[in-house]
Each structure stands twice: as structure tokens, then as C-alpha cells.
Amino acid sequence: MTAPLFTGAEWDFATLDRTLKAIEEIALGELKLDVYPNQIEVISSEQMLDAYSSLGMPLMYNHWSFGKLFAREETLYRAGYSALAYEIVINSNPCISYLLEENTMTMQTLVMAHAAFGHNHFFKNNYLFRQWTNADGILEYLAFAKRYITACEERYGREEVEAVLDSAHAIMDQGVFRYRRPPRPSRERVAEKQRRRAEHEDEAYNDLWRTLPAGPPATPASPDPDDGGADMRMPEENLLYFIEKYSPALKAWQREMLRIVRNLAQYFYPQRQTKVMNEGCATFVHFTIMNRLFDRGLITDGAIFEFLHSHTSVVFQPEFDDRRYSGINPYALGYAMMADIRRICEQPTAEDREWFAPFAGTGDFMTVLKDAWANYRDESFIEQFLSPKVMRDLRLFSLADQAEDSAYHVAAIHNEQGYRALRTTLARQYDVGAVDPNIQVVGANLRGDRKLLLEHRMHRGIALHYNARELVKTHIERLWGHDVELTEVAGD
């Protein structure tokens, strides 16, 4: 009879290593997952809070907003109003998973299955992460960003640096490429840029600078190389990119800081589009692995009950009138859909065969899931795979809400037409293009008054809030250095 990997709540590093190998055997051998090499680190609650406050990254430059968030989270945690996450996982190569040292051994097992194999597989294989992020270079780039901004603070003063970062953070969501990658510069063009920079440094050199702290370090290759200042293309969707390249007022070190913020915004952009899928994938993987460990006798009855208690809490969906309700739980929706895909593959009904003829009854659920994890984002995944059964289980229906109407109108109910309308309506809620303001640069007079012309293409006729609009406009004017005009037009 196989002996359990552990029998109590306490853990040590030998037990963690032994358990990780057992999880890996199931994940790679049975489920055929494809993952980056794993790096497991155990951290304290204070370190976990620090990771919260710095966007979940292992290295991050200094900014007052991170300290403010740390103070808030620590106060809530110490007062018992909020709990800490069991783990944080980094999309990098190797994939870094942080485990909270206060976890029991059962929770450490769950977390390793969830993060080190579920999230890890999704990061490595989903097309958005493959297209828009560089897992091999992100840690090196973060280390450079931290050194660079620290050096800028020493040379130019903290207030100057924070002013630029404040404005860059204010328009961070408008600092991503959604539909295209910037052209990659040729080797000759990169060499020419480096030569011009060297000449400029030689001309600007002054012995007086010997007495000051060392300036910002040289910039390494970025995870998202750009075109080095090619001719302007209008309209331009990436506001940070345009200001970085063409602002008449920014100095070289300020442009580099905008580029750092822009690269971070691009790094996080795929995560905003795949919250349901990413968490659903990791939750499905940890549920499958934990049950296989139990089937093999590698975890005890007590451990599986502890796991099930945690798992049901993670996928719990509060009712609309529950005080805990804050929208649809991405863990609940993602896991429900992926567990349902397995059911459709293994035990389909007549309804399933009608809706999902290509894979209903095939029995090979992992092939279907891995194809979905690799080739879809939240919006398209829900549009293609949300089944009538999951809609019924979650008791979903669609409401039409018009401001001029005195009552709600039920727009979709549980029938053939209603299911399809509901699925489309829900999918649209996960389209970041419909959530984020669509602000584009449509003109810039670089030889006259240097006014920057922006255009907000309204979605469903919804204008920007006046106060927020004016505040953000102030940040844009600070970076551009001249007047900014923002016009709102019908996006449809």
C-alpha cells in the first residue's frame, strides 16, 4: 500500500520537494501539461503583503502608491478584515511561485498544483502571453527598471521622478498595443541609435558630474522592442508610446521611464483579458491533481476534506442579493465551464451533442481544454464554450436596462434563442475593448503650437466622466508639455 506524502499540517522543505515531484508526475505524465521550469519560494505574510503592493512582481521600482497600498492591505489583514492569498505566481521563465509560510501542508500541495502547473501551463501556451509578453526577459527587465528609476531619483530628485511616474500611471491602461506590435528596428538602426547616444554623452560630459552619483544605467533589450521613432502613424491607440516618441518636452531619462511603464502595462494586458480562463485553468488543474493524489493514496482523508473545503470556497458564487456579491466570480465561472467540457466529452446529453458536436462524446477532454487554453481569451471562450447547462446551474439571465425606462426588461430566458443571446451578452462583458475608454491620438502639430489632438470614441454613447477626464488630461499635458484637446465622438 502506498504511504501518504504527509499526514499532518506541518511541512518542511523535504516534504515540499517530495510532494512537488508527485504533482509533477501527474501534471506532466497524465495531463500532458507543458510548463516552464518551476521555482518555488516560501515567503512570510509581510513579504506577501509587499508583493501585493508592487503589482505581484518580485522586483519593482519605488513609488508612493505602492507604499500606500501596502499600508492599507496590512491594516485590513492585521485587523482581520481580509485574508491573504495562498500564493502569487509570476509569468516568467523559470515560473516563480510564492507560497505563504503559514499554509498547511495540504494548502501547499494545492497551491503548487494550482500555480506551478495550472497557471504555469496557461502562461506558457496561451497565444496572448506568447504574443505580447517575454517570460525569458521580464525578470532582467524589472531589475533594470528598478536600478534605472533609483538612479534617476538620485540624480534628478524624487519629486521630479514621481511626477513623471504619476502621470504615466494615470494613463497606463491607454499605454498598450491592442491590435499590432510596433515594427522591430533593424540592426543597423539600433547601432546608429547607440552611436548617436554615445556622441551625445561625450559632448555633454563635464568633470563636475564626477562628484555626483552614477547616472541611470544603460538600457537592456526590452521585452517589447519598438521602432525607435519611426514616422508618426495616425490614429495611434497607444498614448504612452506616442508621447514617449514625440513629446516636445520630455528629456531622454523621462522617455525611458515612460517606456518602462508602457512595457509593464503591455505585460499585464493579457492577464486582464484572460482572468476567467487563467483562474479556471489553474482551478481545474489543481482539482484534478488533488483527486488523483487521493486516488493513489498519496494524501489522506483529512487532507482531501481540507482541500475540498478550500476549493468550494474558491468557486463559491454568491447570490445577487448576498452582501458578498461583487459580480460573477471568475474562479466559479471558469472552473464550471472547464468541468462541464469534461462532462460533455465523457457523458454528453442530446443537448450537448447539438451544441458541441465536434467534441461531445469523444472522451478526450484534455485535448479540448488545452486547445481552448492556447487559442482563446475570456470573451471568445465564453462565446464558444458556455453551455446551456452551466447557464442553468448558475441561474444566469439577461436584463436590458435603459435609463429612460421605468422598469427592467428581461431580454433573455432559458430557451434556444435566449441561451445564445445570454452567452453573447455575457461574453461582451469580458471584452476589455468595451470596458476601457477608446482614446486615440489623431493629430499633433509639432511645428506650430504643438497641440496634441485626442479623440475618445464612445462605446454605446457613454462619455467620459468630466472630473476624471480633466484630471487625466492634466497628466497628459504634463507629459506632452503643451495644450491637449480631447474630443468625444460616436464610436459606432
Protein backbone atom coordinates (compact mmCIF):
# COMPACT_ATOMS: atom_id res chain seq x y z
CA MET A 1 0.00 0.00 0.00
CA THR A 2 1.30 3.47 -0.90
CA ALA A 3 2.25 5.65 2.06
CA PRO A 4 0.83 9.21 2.14
CA LEU A 5 3.20 12.02 1.26
CA PHE A 6 2.33 13.72 4.55
CA THR A 7 0.00 13.08 7.46
CA GLY A 8 -0.26 16.37 9.33
CA ALA A 9 -0.50 20.10 8.84
CA GLU A 10 3.21 20.83 9.35
CA TRP A 11 5.59 20.95 6.42
CA ASP A 12 9.31 21.08 5.74
CA PHE A 13 11.29 21.52 2.55
CA ALA A 14 11.89 17.79 2.11
CA THR A 15 8.12 17.18 2.21
CA LEU A 16 7.53 20.05 -0.23
CA ASP A 17 10.08 18.60 -2.63
CA ARG A 18 8.62 15.10 -2.39
CA THR A 19 5.11 16.38 -2.96
CA LEU A 20 6.14 18.60 -5.86
CA LYS A 21 7.62 15.57 -7.65
CA ALA A 22 4.37 13.60 -7.15
CA ILE A 23 2.33 16.52 -8.53
CA GLU A 24 4.72 16.87 -11.45
CA GLU A 25 4.34 13.20 -12.35
CA ILE A 26 0.57 13.59 -12.67
CA ALA A 27 0.69 17.01 -14.37
CA LEU A 28 3.26 16.06 -17.00
CA GLY A 29 2.67 12.32 -17.22
CA GLU A 30 -1.13 12.07 -17.13
CA LEU A 31 -2.41 15.52 -18.07
CA LYS A 32 0.45 16.18 -20.52
CA LEU A 33 0.83 19.80 -19.42
CA ASP A 34 3.58 21.92 -20.95
CA VAL A 35 5.19 24.20 -18.37
CA TYR A 36 8.20 26.41 -17.75
CA PRO A 37 10.74 25.13 -15.19
CA ASN A 38 9.39 25.79 -11.70
CA GLN A 39 10.96 27.88 -8.95
CA ILE A 40 9.13 27.53 -5.63
CA GLU A 41 9.73 30.11 -2.89
CA VAL A 42 8.17 30.27 0.57
CA ILE A 43 7.55 33.78 1.92
CA SER A 44 6.17 35.37 5.08
CA SER A 45 2.88 37.24 5.40
CA GLU A 46 4.72 40.57 5.32
CA GLN A 47 6.51 39.58 2.12
CA MET A 48 3.17 38.54 0.63
CA LEU A 49 1.73 41.95 1.51
CA ASP A 50 4.75 43.59 -0.09
CA ALA A 51 4.17 41.54 -3.24
CA TYR A 52 0.52 42.67 -3.25
CA SER A 53 1.53 46.30 -3.15
CA SER A 54 4.02 46.03 -6.04
CA LEU A 55 1.61 44.52 -8.60
CA GLY A 56 2.60 41.00 -7.61
CA MET A 57 6.08 41.32 -9.10
CA PRO A 58 9.28 40.08 -7.42
CA LEU A 59 11.14 43.28 -8.37
CA MET A 60 9.57 46.71 -8.68
CA TYR A 61 10.68 50.32 -8.69
CA ASN A 62 9.72 52.64 -5.83
CA HIS A 63 6.53 54.68 -5.96
CA TRP A 64 4.41 56.19 -3.21
CA SER A 65 1.26 54.39 -4.43
CA PHE A 66 2.84 51.01 -3.67
CA GLY A 67 3.56 52.06 -0.08
CA LYS A 68 0.02 53.38 0.30
CA LEU A 69 -1.42 50.07 -0.90
CA PHE A 70 0.89 48.15 1.44
CA ALA A 71 -0.30 50.19 4.44
CA ARG A 72 -3.95 49.63 3.50
CA GLU A 73 -3.62 45.88 2.97
CA GLU A 74 -1.57 45.42 6.13
CA THR A 75 -4.14 47.32 8.22
CA LEU A 76 -7.02 45.22 6.88
CA TYR A 77 -5.07 41.99 7.35
CA ARG A 78 -3.94 42.75 10.93
CA ALA A 79 -7.48 43.79 11.87
CA GLY A 80 -8.90 40.54 10.48
CA TYR A 81 -11.00 42.20 7.76
CA SER A 82 -9.22 40.46 4.88
CA ALA A 83 -7.14 37.35 4.33
CA LEU A 84 -4.00 36.85 2.30
CA ALA A 85 -3.79 34.95 -0.96
CA TYR A 86 -2.37 31.45 -0.62
CA GLU A 87 0.05 32.12 -3.48
CA ILE A 88 1.36 34.51 -6.09
CA VAL A 89 2.71 33.25 -9.41
CA ILE A 90 4.90 35.16 -11.88
CA ASN A 91 4.73 34.75 -15.66
CA SER A 92 8.46 34.25 -16.11
CA ASN A 93 10.93 31.60 -17.19
CA PRO A 94 11.51 29.95 -14.76
CA CYS A 95 7.97 30.33 -13.44
CA ILE A 96 8.18 31.65 -9.87
CA SER A 97 5.50 30.55 -7.39
CA TYR A 98 5.38 32.15 -3.93
CA LEU A 99 3.89 30.00 -1.16
CA LEU A 100 2.74 31.54 2.12
CA GLU A 101 4.69 30.03 5.01
CA GLU A 102 1.53 29.97 7.17
CA ASN A 103 -0.17 27.46 4.84
CA THR A 104 -0.74 23.91 5.99
CA MET A 105 0.90 21.14 4.01
CA THR A 106 -2.43 20.39 2.30
CA MET A 107 -2.67 24.01 1.16
CA GLN A 108 0.94 23.98 -0.02
CA THR A 109 0.08 20.94 -2.15
CA LEU A 110 -2.99 22.67 -3.59
CA VAL A 111 -1.02 25.84 -4.30
CA MET A 112 1.78 24.02 -6.09
CA ALA A 113 -0.75 22.21 -8.29
CA HIS A 114 -2.69 25.44 -8.90
CA ALA A 115 0.18 27.84 -9.56
CA ALA A 116 3.23 25.81 -10.55
CA PHE A 117 1.32 23.73 -13.10
CA GLY A 118 -2.11 25.28 -13.80
CA HIS A 119 -1.09 28.93 -14.18
CA ASN A 120 2.33 27.91 -15.48
CA HIS A 121 0.84 25.90 -18.37
CA PHE A 122 -1.55 28.73 -19.22
CA PHE A 123 1.20 31.36 -19.22
CA LYS A 124 3.43 29.30 -21.49
CA ASN A 125 0.79 28.25 -24.02
CA ASN A 126 -1.91 30.93 -24.35
CA TYR A 127 -1.48 32.92 -27.56
CA LEU A 128 -1.88 36.31 -25.85
CA PHE A 129 1.01 35.68 -23.48
CA ARG A 130 3.13 34.21 -26.27
CA GLN A 131 2.45 37.22 -28.49
CA TRP A 132 2.63 40.11 -26.02
CA THR A 133 4.96 39.06 -23.18
CA ASN A 134 8.52 37.83 -22.89
CA ALA A 135 8.78 35.41 -20.00
CA ASP A 136 12.51 34.93 -20.62
CA GLY A 137 13.32 38.64 -20.26
CA ILE A 138 10.85 40.07 -17.72
CA LEU A 139 12.95 39.50 -14.57
CA GLU A 140 16.04 41.08 -16.12
CA TYR A 141 13.94 43.99 -17.35
CA LEU A 142 12.36 44.55 -13.92
CA ALA A 143 15.83 44.57 -12.34
CA PHE A 144 16.91 47.19 -14.88
CA ALA A 145 13.77 49.28 -14.26
CA LYS A 146 14.38 49.30 -10.52
CA ARG A 147 18.03 50.33 -10.93
CA TYR A 148 17.22 52.95 -13.54
CA ILE A 149 14.47 54.70 -11.58
CA THR A 150 16.54 54.62 -8.38
CA ALA A 151 19.44 56.26 -10.26
CA CYS A 152 17.05 58.88 -11.69
CA GLU A 153 15.85 59.71 -8.17
CA GLU A 154 19.44 60.23 -7.03
CA ARG A 155 20.34 62.48 -9.96
CA TYR A 156 17.13 64.41 -10.69
CA GLY A 157 15.30 64.26 -7.36
CA ARG A 158 12.44 62.13 -6.11
CA GLU A 159 9.77 64.76 -6.79
CA GLU A 160 10.74 65.03 -10.47
CA VAL A 161 10.70 61.26 -10.88
CA GLU A 162 7.40 60.76 -9.05
CA ALA A 163 5.72 63.47 -11.12
CA VAL A 164 6.55 61.58 -14.32
CA LEU A 165 5.51 58.23 -12.82
CA ASP A 166 2.23 59.69 -11.51
CA SER A 167 1.29 60.89 -14.97
CA ALA A 168 2.43 57.68 -16.67
CA HIS A 169 0.43 55.54 -14.22
CA ALA A 170 -2.65 57.71 -14.80
CA ILE A 171 -2.78 56.68 -18.48
CA MET A 172 -1.27 53.21 -18.08
CA ASP A 173 -4.37 51.49 -19.46
CA GLN A 174 -4.00 53.59 -22.62
CA GLY A 175 -0.36 52.53 -22.90
CA VAL A 176 -0.82 49.18 -24.66
CA PHE A 177 -0.88 47.93 -28.23
CA ARG A 178 -4.15 46.07 -28.66
CA TYR A 179 -4.07 45.20 -32.34
CA ARG A 180 -0.49 45.43 -33.59
CA ARG A 181 3.10 45.15 -32.49
CA PRO A 182 5.38 48.10 -33.19
CA PRO A 183 7.84 47.41 -36.01
CA ARG A 184 11.09 45.88 -34.87
CA PRO A 185 14.12 48.08 -35.58
CA SER A 186 16.85 46.77 -37.89
CA ARG A 187 20.30 46.00 -36.52
CA GLU A 188 21.70 48.97 -38.44
CA ARG A 189 19.13 51.31 -36.91
CA VAL A 190 19.86 50.08 -33.38
CA ALA A 191 23.61 50.53 -33.93
CA GLU A 192 23.03 54.05 -35.27
CA LYS A 193 20.92 54.98 -32.23
CA GLN A 194 23.61 53.71 -29.87
CA ARG A 195 26.29 55.66 -31.77
CA ARG A 196 24.25 58.91 -31.54
CA ARG A 197 23.67 58.38 -27.83
CA ALA A 198 27.39 57.84 -27.25
CA GLU A 199 28.24 61.02 -29.18
CA HIS A 200 25.69 62.99 -27.18
CA GLU A 201 27.12 61.71 -23.89
CA ASP A 202 30.65 62.68 -24.97
CA GLU A 203 29.51 66.19 -25.91
CA ALA A 204 27.57 66.68 -22.69
CA TYR A 205 30.30 65.28 -20.44
CA ASN A 206 31.53 67.57 -17.69
CA ASP A 207 34.06 66.84 -14.96
CA LEU A 208 31.62 68.28 -12.43
CA TRP A 209 29.46 65.15 -12.83
CA ARG A 210 32.25 63.05 -11.32
CA THR A 211 31.15 64.23 -7.85
CA LEU A 212 27.52 63.14 -8.34
CA PRO A 213 26.00 59.65 -8.05
CA ALA A 214 26.23 57.48 -11.13
CA GLY A 215 23.54 58.18 -13.70
CA PRO A 216 20.93 55.74 -14.91
CA PRO A 217 22.42 52.50 -16.24
CA ALA A 218 22.37 51.56 -19.90
CA THR A 219 19.07 50.23 -21.15
CA PRO A 220 18.99 46.49 -21.88
CA ALA A 221 16.90 44.94 -24.62
CA SER A 222 13.25 45.41 -23.73
CA PRO A 223 10.66 42.61 -23.69
CA ASP A 224 8.73 44.73 -26.22
CA PRO A 225 11.12 46.36 -28.72
CA ASP A 226 9.83 49.40 -30.59
CA ASP A 227 10.61 51.10 -33.83
CA GLY A 228 12.94 53.72 -32.37
CA GLY A 229 10.91 56.73 -33.50
CA ALA A 230 9.56 55.95 -36.95
CA ASP A 231 7.25 58.38 -38.74
CA MET A 232 4.02 59.11 -36.91
CA ARG A 233 1.06 56.85 -37.65
CA MET A 234 -2.42 58.25 -37.16
CA PRO A 235 -4.58 57.37 -35.39
CA GLU A 236 -2.36 55.91 -32.66
CA GLU A 237 -4.01 53.75 -29.99
CA ASN A 238 -1.01 53.63 -27.63
CA LEU A 239 -0.98 57.02 -25.92
CA LEU A 240 2.10 56.35 -23.78
CA TYR A 241 4.04 55.18 -26.83
CA PHE A 242 3.17 58.29 -28.83
CA ILE A 243 4.10 60.68 -26.00
CA GLU A 244 7.33 58.78 -25.36
CA LYS A 245 8.35 59.14 -29.01
CA TYR A 246 7.15 62.62 -29.90
CA SER A 247 6.67 64.75 -26.77
CA PRO A 248 8.46 68.10 -27.31
CA ALA A 249 9.05 68.49 -23.58
CA LEU A 250 10.41 65.18 -22.26
CA LYS A 251 14.08 64.59 -21.57
CA ALA A 252 15.76 61.30 -22.51
CA TRP A 253 15.54 59.87 -18.97
CA GLN A 254 11.84 60.75 -18.76
CA ARG A 255 11.16 58.99 -22.07
CA GLU A 256 12.88 55.89 -20.74
CA MET A 257 10.64 55.95 -17.65
CA LEU A 258 7.54 56.14 -19.86
CA ARG A 259 8.87 53.18 -21.78
CA ILE A 260 9.26 51.21 -18.55
CA VAL A 261 5.65 51.90 -17.55
CA ARG A 262 4.47 51.09 -21.06
CA ASN A 263 6.25 47.74 -21.09
CA LEU A 264 4.71 46.86 -17.72
CA ALA A 265 1.25 47.81 -19.00
CA GLN A 266 1.77 45.56 -22.03
CA TYR A 267 3.00 42.72 -19.78
CA PHE A 268 -0.22 42.83 -17.73
CA TYR A 269 -2.55 43.34 -20.69
CA PRO A 270 -3.03 39.60 -21.46
CA GLN A 271 -3.87 38.92 -17.82
CA ARG A 272 -6.75 41.40 -17.99
CA GLN A 273 -8.17 39.53 -20.98
CA THR A 274 -7.87 36.02 -19.53
CA LYS A 275 -8.91 36.25 -15.87
CA VAL A 276 -11.72 33.68 -16.20
CA MET A 277 -9.68 31.30 -18.33
CA ASN A 278 -6.44 31.62 -16.34
CA GLU A 279 -8.08 31.04 -12.96
CA GLY A 280 -10.42 28.41 -14.40
CA CYS A 281 -7.47 26.52 -15.87
CA ALA A 282 -5.49 26.61 -12.62
CA THR A 283 -8.53 25.61 -10.55
CA PHE A 284 -9.42 22.72 -12.88
CA VAL A 285 -5.80 21.51 -12.83
CA HIS A 286 -5.49 21.64 -9.04
CA PHE A 287 -8.85 19.87 -8.59
CA THR A 288 -7.82 17.09 -10.98
CA ILE A 289 -4.35 16.65 -9.48
CA MET A 290 -5.55 16.66 -5.86
CA ASN A 291 -8.14 13.97 -6.63
CA ARG A 292 -5.54 11.86 -8.46
CA LEU A 293 -3.21 12.14 -5.46
CA PHE A 294 -6.05 10.91 -3.24
CA ASP A 295 -6.90 8.06 -5.64
CA ARG A 296 -3.26 6.94 -5.46
CA GLY A 297 -3.28 7.03 -1.65
CA LEU A 298 -0.75 9.87 -1.56
CA ILE A 299 -2.88 12.19 0.56
CA THR A 300 -5.10 11.27 3.50
CA ASP A 301 -8.85 11.55 4.05
CA GLY A 302 -8.23 14.56 6.28
CA ALA A 303 -6.18 16.27 3.57
CA ILE A 304 -8.80 15.72 0.86
CA PHE A 305 -11.55 17.12 3.10
CA GLU A 306 -9.41 20.16 3.92
CA PHE A 307 -8.78 20.63 0.22
CA LEU A 308 -12.47 20.31 -0.70
CA HIS A 309 -13.40 22.89 1.93
CA SER A 310 -10.92 25.36 0.41
CA HIS A 311 -11.89 24.50 -3.17
CA THR A 312 -15.62 25.02 -2.62
CA SER A 313 -14.87 28.38 -1.01
CA VAL A 314 -12.81 29.43 -4.03
CA VAL A 315 -15.54 28.51 -6.57
CA PHE A 316 -18.43 29.80 -4.45
CA GLN A 317 -20.73 32.19 -6.30
CA PRO A 318 -22.77 34.46 -4.00
CA GLU A 319 -26.36 35.23 -4.99
CA PHE A 320 -27.15 38.70 -6.33
CA ASP A 321 -28.76 39.72 -3.02
CA ASP A 322 -25.89 38.36 -0.90
CA ARG A 323 -23.77 41.00 0.85
CA ARG A 324 -20.69 39.22 -0.52
CA TYR A 325 -21.83 39.57 -4.14
CA SER A 326 -19.49 41.65 -6.29
CA GLY A 327 -20.21 40.22 -9.73
CA ILE A 328 -19.51 36.85 -11.31
CA ASN A 329 -16.66 35.02 -9.58
CA PRO A 330 -14.05 34.26 -12.31
CA TYR A 331 -12.98 31.12 -10.44
CA ALA A 332 -16.58 29.89 -10.34
CA LEU A 333 -17.34 30.60 -13.99
CA GLY A 334 -14.00 29.37 -15.34
CA TYR A 335 -13.99 26.15 -13.33
CA ALA A 336 -17.68 25.43 -14.06
CA MET A 337 -17.09 25.76 -17.81
CA MET A 338 -13.98 23.58 -17.81
CA ALA A 339 -15.52 20.88 -15.64
CA ASP A 340 -18.52 20.99 -17.99
CA ILE A 341 -16.27 20.47 -21.03
CA ARG A 342 -15.01 17.29 -19.38
CA ARG A 343 -18.59 16.16 -18.76
CA ILE A 344 -19.56 16.88 -22.37
CA CYS A 345 -16.60 14.83 -23.62
CA GLU A 346 -17.30 11.89 -21.30
CA GLN A 347 -21.07 11.89 -20.62
CA PRO A 348 -22.84 14.05 -23.20
CA THR A 349 -26.58 14.58 -23.40
CA ALA A 350 -28.59 15.08 -26.57
CA GLU A 351 -28.45 18.82 -25.91
CA ASP A 352 -24.65 18.68 -25.64
CA ARG A 353 -24.36 16.81 -28.94
CA GLU A 354 -26.41 19.50 -30.62
CA TRP A 355 -24.46 22.41 -29.17
CA PHE A 356 -20.94 20.89 -29.17
CA ALA A 357 -20.96 18.29 -31.93
CA PRO A 358 -17.20 18.46 -32.70
CA PHE A 359 -16.12 17.12 -29.29
CA ALA A 360 -19.22 15.79 -27.47
CA GLY A 361 -18.65 12.16 -26.52
CA THR A 362 -15.03 12.00 -27.70
CA GLY A 363 -13.76 11.23 -24.19
CA ASP A 364 -10.56 13.26 -24.78
CA PHE A 365 -11.32 16.29 -22.62
CA MET A 366 -7.68 17.34 -22.17
CA THR A 367 -7.21 17.86 -25.91
CA VAL A 368 -10.26 20.14 -26.00
CA LEU A 369 -9.18 22.04 -22.89
CA LYS A 370 -5.57 22.51 -24.00
CA ASP A 371 -6.74 23.79 -27.36
CA ALA A 372 -9.04 26.29 -25.60
CA TRP A 373 -6.33 27.36 -23.14
CA ALA A 374 -3.94 28.01 -26.02
CA ASN A 375 -6.20 29.75 -28.54
CA TYR A 376 -8.92 31.70 -26.72
CA ARG A 377 -9.37 34.65 -24.39
CA ASP A 378 -12.27 35.19 -21.95
CA GLU A 379 -14.63 36.77 -24.47
CA SER A 380 -14.18 34.18 -27.21
CA PHE A 381 -14.01 31.27 -24.75
CA ILE A 382 -17.39 32.16 -23.23
CA GLU A 383 -18.88 32.78 -26.69
CA GLN A 384 -17.79 29.33 -27.87
CA PHE A 385 -17.96 27.05 -24.82
CA LEU A 386 -20.59 28.33 -22.36
CA SER A 387 -23.25 25.60 -22.33
CA PRO A 388 -26.97 25.80 -21.51
CA LYS A 389 -26.32 23.52 -18.51
CA VAL A 390 -23.82 25.95 -16.96
CA MET A 391 -26.24 28.83 -17.59
CA ARG A 392 -28.96 26.88 -15.78
CA ASP A 393 -26.64 25.81 -12.94
CA LEU A 394 -25.54 29.41 -12.34
CA ARG A 395 -29.11 30.66 -12.96
CA LEU A 396 -27.99 33.27 -15.44
CA PHE A 397 -30.37 35.51 -17.36
CA SER A 398 -30.07 38.78 -19.24
CA LEU A 399 -31.60 42.11 -18.23
CA ALA A 400 -32.00 45.07 -20.58
CA ASP A 401 -31.57 48.33 -18.65
CA GLN A 402 -32.32 51.62 -20.40
CA ALA A 403 -32.00 54.84 -18.40
CA GLU A 404 -35.30 56.22 -19.75
CA ASP A 405 -37.29 53.09 -18.85
CA SER A 406 -39.08 52.80 -15.52
CA ALA A 407 -38.50 49.04 -15.19
CA TYR A 408 -36.04 46.33 -16.19
CA HIS A 409 -36.79 44.20 -19.22
CA VAL A 410 -35.85 40.50 -19.21
CA ALA A 411 -34.06 40.21 -22.54
CA ALA A 412 -33.06 36.53 -22.50
CA ILE A 413 -34.53 33.50 -20.73
CA HIS A 414 -33.81 29.78 -20.80
CA ASN A 415 -34.77 28.77 -24.31
CA GLU A 416 -32.80 28.20 -27.52
CA GLN A 417 -32.78 31.84 -28.58
CA GLY A 418 -32.31 33.06 -25.01
CA TYR A 419 -29.29 30.85 -24.36
CA ARG A 420 -27.46 32.21 -27.39
CA ALA A 421 -28.36 35.83 -26.59
CA LEU A 422 -27.28 35.35 -22.98
CA ARG A 423 -23.97 33.78 -23.98
CA THR A 424 -23.19 36.67 -26.32
CA THR A 425 -24.21 39.28 -23.73
CA LEU A 426 -22.01 37.71 -21.05
CA ALA A 427 -19.07 37.37 -23.44
CA ARG A 428 -19.20 41.08 -24.28
CA GLN A 429 -18.73 41.94 -20.61
CA TYR A 430 -15.26 40.41 -20.80
CA ASP A 431 -14.20 42.43 -23.84
CA VAL A 432 -11.67 44.94 -22.50
CA GLY A 433 -12.19 46.98 -25.65
CA ALA A 434 -15.73 47.69 -24.49
CA VAL A 435 -14.64 48.49 -20.92
CA ASP A 436 -11.55 50.67 -21.40
CA PRO A 437 -12.04 54.13 -22.92
CA ASN A 438 -11.00 54.09 -26.58
CA ILE A 439 -8.76 57.19 -26.68
CA GLN A 440 -6.56 57.67 -29.75
CA VAL A 441 -4.10 60.28 -30.93
CA VAL A 442 -5.49 61.80 -34.14
CA GLY A 443 -3.18 64.77 -34.59
CA ALA A 444 -0.09 66.56 -33.29
CA ASN A 445 1.22 69.90 -34.54
CA LEU A 446 4.92 69.51 -33.86
CA ARG A 447 5.95 72.62 -35.81
CA GLY A 448 3.29 75.12 -34.72
CA ASP A 449 1.52 75.46 -31.40
CA ARG A 450 2.40 71.80 -30.62
CA LYS A 451 -1.15 70.99 -29.59
CA LEU A 452 -1.93 67.30 -29.14
CA LEU A 453 -5.31 66.19 -30.53
CA LEU A 454 -7.02 63.23 -28.87
CA GLU A 455 -10.29 61.56 -29.75
CA HIS A 456 -12.45 59.47 -27.43
CA ARG A 457 -14.58 57.08 -29.45
CA MET A 458 -17.53 56.48 -27.16
CA HIS A 459 -18.88 52.98 -26.65
CA ARG A 460 -22.70 52.90 -26.63
CA GLY A 461 -22.71 56.69 -26.40
CA ILE A 462 -21.11 56.76 -22.93
CA ALA A 463 -18.92 59.85 -22.42
CA LEU A 464 -16.01 60.17 -20.03
CA HIS A 465 -16.78 61.42 -16.53
CA TYR A 466 -15.96 65.14 -16.54
CA ASN A 467 -13.83 65.25 -13.37
CA ALA A 468 -11.82 62.15 -14.28
CA ARG A 469 -11.41 63.45 -17.82
CA GLU A 470 -9.94 66.76 -16.65
CA LEU A 471 -7.61 65.12 -14.14
CA VAL A 472 -6.23 62.68 -16.69
CA LYS A 473 -5.96 65.45 -19.27
CA THR A 474 -3.77 67.36 -16.82
CA HIS A 475 -1.42 64.37 -16.59
CA ILE A 476 -1.23 64.11 -20.39
CA GLU A 477 -0.44 67.83 -20.67
CA ARG A 478 2.33 67.44 -18.10
CA LEU A 479 3.97 64.73 -20.23
CA TRP A 480 3.32 66.41 -23.58
CA GLY A 481 4.38 69.86 -22.35
CA HIS A 482 1.73 71.76 -24.35
CA ASP A 483 -2.04 72.02 -24.72
CA VAL A 484 -4.10 68.87 -25.22
CA GLU A 485 -7.51 68.84 -26.88
CA LEU A 486 -9.80 65.86 -26.27
CA THR A 487 -12.87 65.42 -28.47
CA GLU A 488 -15.60 62.83 -27.94
CA VAL A 489 -17.19 61.18 -30.96
CA ALA A 490 -19.61 58.31 -31.53
CA GLY A 491 -17.58 55.13 -31.60
CA ASP A 492 -20.19 53.21 -33.59
